[in-house]
Amino acid sequence: MPVRLKKLIGTVLLVALVIIYALLATTIAIVHLSQSSTWVHLLYFLVTGVLWVLPAMFIIWWMAQPPRPKRR
């Protein structure tokens, strides 16, 4: 796959990941944590704020891989 196409796909995936993850994490917080204490909110948002990095790292790693040599 050409490098430019791979980077375009990776960029679209990263933007979609951030938007979907933020909406999902916020919806879960609103539905399940509405009556929780401040410390539970803090812990939840600390964990979910860092957790999105794992799939993002995989996407960035995939984008940075050099193209495979073509077989003959």
N, C-alpha and C. Protein backbone atom coordinates (compact mmCIF):
# COMPACT_ATOMS: atom_id res chain seq x y z
N MET A 1 0.85 -1.17 0.00
CA MET A 1 0.00 0.00 0.00
C MET A 1 0.90 1.23 0.00
N PRO A 2 0.61 2.20 -0.85
CA PRO A 2 1.43 3.41 -0.88
C PRO A 2 1.39 4.15 0.46
N VAL A 3 2.50 4.80 0.77
CA VAL A 3 2.64 5.49 2.05
C VAL A 3 1.59 6.59 2.20
N ARG A 4 1.34 7.34 1.16
CA ARG A 4 0.37 8.44 1.25
C ARG A 4 -1.03 7.93 1.53
N LEU A 5 -1.42 6.84 0.91
CA LEU A 5 -2.73 6.26 1.15
C LEU A 5 -2.83 5.72 2.58
N LYS A 6 -1.77 5.08 3.04
CA LYS A 6 -1.75 4.56 4.39
C LYS A 6 -1.89 5.68 5.41
N LYS A 7 -1.22 6.79 5.19
CA LYS A 7 -1.31 7.93 6.11
C LYS A 7 -2.69 8.59 6.06
N LEU A 8 -3.30 8.63 4.89
CA LEU A 8 -4.65 9.18 4.79
C LEU A 8 -5.64 8.30 5.56
N ILE A 9 -5.56 7.00 5.38
CA ILE A 9 -6.44 6.08 6.09
C ILE A 9 -6.20 6.18 7.60
N GLY A 10 -4.95 6.22 8.00
CA GLY A 10 -4.62 6.33 9.42
C GLY A 10 -5.13 7.63 10.04
N THR A 11 -5.03 8.72 9.31
CA THR A 11 -5.52 10.00 9.81
C THR A 11 -7.04 9.98 9.99
N VAL A 12 -7.74 9.44 9.02
CA VAL A 12 -9.20 9.33 9.12
C VAL A 12 -9.57 8.43 10.30
N LEU A 13 -8.86 7.31 10.47
CA LEU A 13 -9.13 6.42 11.59
C LEU A 13 -8.87 7.10 12.94
N LEU A 14 -7.80 7.88 13.03
CA LEU A 14 -7.50 8.58 14.28
C LEU A 14 -8.58 9.61 14.63
N VAL A 15 -9.02 10.37 13.65
CA VAL A 15 -10.07 11.36 13.90
C VAL A 15 -11.37 10.66 14.32
N ALA A 16 -11.72 9.59 13.62
CA ALA A 16 -12.93 8.84 13.97
C ALA A 16 -12.80 8.23 15.36
N LEU A 17 -11.64 7.69 15.69
CA LEU A 17 -11.41 7.12 17.01
C LEU A 17 -11.63 8.15 18.11
N VAL A 18 -11.06 9.33 17.95
CA VAL A 18 -11.16 10.37 18.98
C VAL A 18 -12.62 10.81 19.14
N ILE A 19 -13.32 11.02 18.05
CA ILE A 19 -14.70 11.49 18.13
C ILE A 19 -15.60 10.42 18.76
N ILE A 20 -15.51 9.20 18.28
CA ILE A 20 -16.36 8.13 18.80
C ILE A 20 -16.02 7.82 20.26
N TYR A 21 -14.75 7.78 20.58
CA TYR A 21 -14.33 7.47 21.94
C TYR A 21 -14.79 8.56 22.91
N ALA A 22 -14.66 9.81 22.53
CA ALA A 22 -15.08 10.90 23.40
C ALA A 22 -16.58 10.86 23.64
N LEU A 23 -17.35 10.63 22.58
CA LEU A 23 -18.80 10.55 22.75
C LEU A 23 -19.19 9.36 23.62
N LEU A 24 -18.56 8.23 23.41
CA LEU A 24 -18.87 7.04 24.18
C LEU A 24 -18.49 7.21 25.66
N ALA A 25 -17.30 7.72 25.92
CA ALA A 25 -16.85 7.91 27.30
C ALA A 25 -17.73 8.92 28.03
N THR A 26 -18.12 9.98 27.36
CA THR A 26 -18.98 10.98 27.98
C THR A 26 -20.37 10.43 28.23
N THR A 27 -20.91 9.68 27.29
CA THR A 27 -22.23 9.08 27.48
C THR A 27 -22.24 8.11 28.65
N ILE A 28 -21.21 7.29 28.76
CA ILE A 28 -21.12 6.36 29.89
C ILE A 28 -21.03 7.14 31.20
N ALA A 29 -20.27 8.20 31.20
CA ALA A 29 -20.14 9.00 32.42
C ALA A 29 -21.47 9.64 32.81
N ILE A 30 -22.21 10.13 31.86
CA ILE A 30 -23.49 10.77 32.16
C ILE A 30 -24.49 9.74 32.67
N VAL A 31 -24.54 8.58 32.05
CA VAL A 31 -25.54 7.57 32.41
C VAL A 31 -25.21 6.90 33.74
N HIS A 32 -23.95 6.52 33.94
CA HIS A 32 -23.60 5.69 35.09
C HIS A 32 -23.00 6.45 36.26
N LEU A 33 -22.46 7.62 36.05
CA LEU A 33 -21.75 8.32 37.13
C LEU A 33 -22.47 9.57 37.61
N SER A 34 -23.73 9.73 37.28
CA SER A 34 -24.42 10.97 37.63
C SER A 34 -24.52 11.18 39.14
N GLN A 35 -24.62 10.12 39.93
CA GLN A 35 -24.75 10.25 41.38
C GLN A 35 -23.45 9.92 42.13
N SER A 36 -22.36 9.78 41.41
CA SER A 36 -21.10 9.39 42.04
C SER A 36 -20.38 10.59 42.62
N SER A 37 -19.40 10.30 43.44
CA SER A 37 -18.62 11.37 44.08
C SER A 37 -17.62 11.98 43.10
N THR A 38 -17.03 13.06 43.53
CA THR A 38 -16.04 13.76 42.71
C THR A 38 -14.83 12.87 42.45
N TRP A 39 -14.43 12.06 43.44
CA TRP A 39 -13.27 11.19 43.27
C TRP A 39 -13.51 10.11 42.23
N VAL A 40 -14.73 9.60 42.16
CA VAL A 40 -15.06 8.60 41.14
C VAL A 40 -15.01 9.24 39.76
N HIS A 41 -15.52 10.45 39.64
CA HIS A 41 -15.46 11.17 38.36
C HIS A 41 -14.00 11.41 37.95
N LEU A 42 -13.20 11.85 38.91
CA LEU A 42 -11.79 12.11 38.63
C LEU A 42 -11.09 10.85 38.16
N LEU A 43 -11.29 9.76 38.86
CA LEU A 43 -10.66 8.49 38.48
C LEU A 43 -11.15 8.02 37.11
N TYR A 44 -12.44 8.11 36.87
CA TYR A 44 -13.00 7.68 35.58
C TYR A 44 -12.40 8.48 34.43
N PHE A 45 -12.37 9.79 34.58
CA PHE A 45 -11.86 10.61 33.47
C PHE A 45 -10.35 10.52 33.33
N LEU A 46 -9.63 10.23 34.40
CA LEU A 46 -8.19 9.97 34.27
C LEU A 46 -7.95 8.69 33.46
N VAL A 47 -8.68 7.64 33.80
CA VAL A 47 -8.50 6.36 33.11
C VAL A 47 -8.94 6.47 31.65
N THR A 48 -10.14 7.01 31.43
CA THR A 48 -10.63 7.08 30.05
C THR A 48 -9.85 8.11 29.23
N GLY A 49 -9.27 9.10 29.89
CA GLY A 49 -8.47 10.08 29.17
C GLY A 49 -7.16 9.52 28.65
N VAL A 50 -6.67 8.47 29.29
CA VAL A 50 -5.41 7.85 28.87
C VAL A 50 -5.66 6.60 28.02
N LEU A 51 -6.80 5.96 28.20
CA LEU A 51 -7.08 4.69 27.55
C LEU A 51 -7.17 4.78 26.02
N TRP A 52 -7.59 5.91 25.49
CA TRP A 52 -7.71 6.04 24.04
C TRP A 52 -6.35 6.00 23.35
N VAL A 53 -5.29 6.21 24.11
CA VAL A 53 -3.95 6.25 23.52
C VAL A 53 -3.54 4.88 22.98
N LEU A 54 -4.02 3.80 23.60
CA LEU A 54 -3.62 2.45 23.15
C LEU A 54 -4.01 2.17 21.70
N PRO A 55 -5.29 2.34 21.32
CA PRO A 55 -5.59 2.11 19.90
C PRO A 55 -4.95 3.16 18.99
N ALA A 56 -4.78 4.38 19.49
CA ALA A 56 -4.13 5.41 18.68
C ALA A 56 -2.67 5.05 18.42
N MET A 57 -2.00 4.49 19.42
CA MET A 57 -0.61 4.07 19.22
C MET A 57 -0.51 2.99 18.15
N PHE A 58 -1.46 2.05 18.16
CA PHE A 58 -1.44 1.00 17.15
C PHE A 58 -1.65 1.58 15.76
N ILE A 59 -2.57 2.53 15.61
CA ILE A 59 -2.81 3.15 14.29
C ILE A 59 -1.58 3.91 13.82
N ILE A 60 -0.95 4.65 14.72
CA ILE A 60 0.25 5.41 14.36
C ILE A 60 1.39 4.46 14.01
N TRP A 61 1.52 3.36 14.76
CA TRP A 61 2.56 2.38 14.45
C TRP A 61 2.33 1.80 13.05
N TRP A 62 1.07 1.48 12.72
CA TRP A 62 0.75 0.93 11.41
C TRP A 62 1.08 1.95 10.31
N MET A 63 0.79 3.22 10.56
CA MET A 63 1.07 4.26 9.56
C MET A 63 2.56 4.43 9.33
N ALA A 64 3.37 4.22 10.36
CA ALA A 64 4.81 4.46 10.26
C ALA A 64 5.58 3.30 9.64
N GLN A 65 4.95 2.15 9.49
CA GLN A 65 5.64 1.00 8.91
C GLN A 65 5.98 1.26 7.45
N PRO A 66 7.18 0.89 7.04
CA PRO A 66 7.52 1.06 5.63
C PRO A 66 6.71 0.11 4.76
N PRO A 67 6.50 0.48 3.52
CA PRO A 67 5.73 -0.42 2.64
C PRO A 67 6.47 -1.72 2.42
N ARG A 68 5.72 -2.79 2.27
CA ARG A 68 6.32 -4.09 2.00
C ARG A 68 6.86 -4.13 0.57
N PRO A 69 7.98 -4.81 0.38
CA PRO A 69 8.46 -4.95 -1.00
C PRO A 69 7.51 -5.83 -1.80
N LYS A 70 7.35 -5.48 -3.06
CA LYS A 70 6.45 -6.25 -3.92
C LYS A 70 7.08 -7.58 -4.28
N ARG A 71 6.23 -8.60 -4.29
CA ARG A 71 6.70 -9.92 -4.70
C ARG A 71 6.65 -10.03 -6.21
N ARG A 72 7.52 -10.86 -6.76
CA ARG A 72 7.51 -11.06 -8.21
C ARG A 72 6.92 -12.37 -8.55
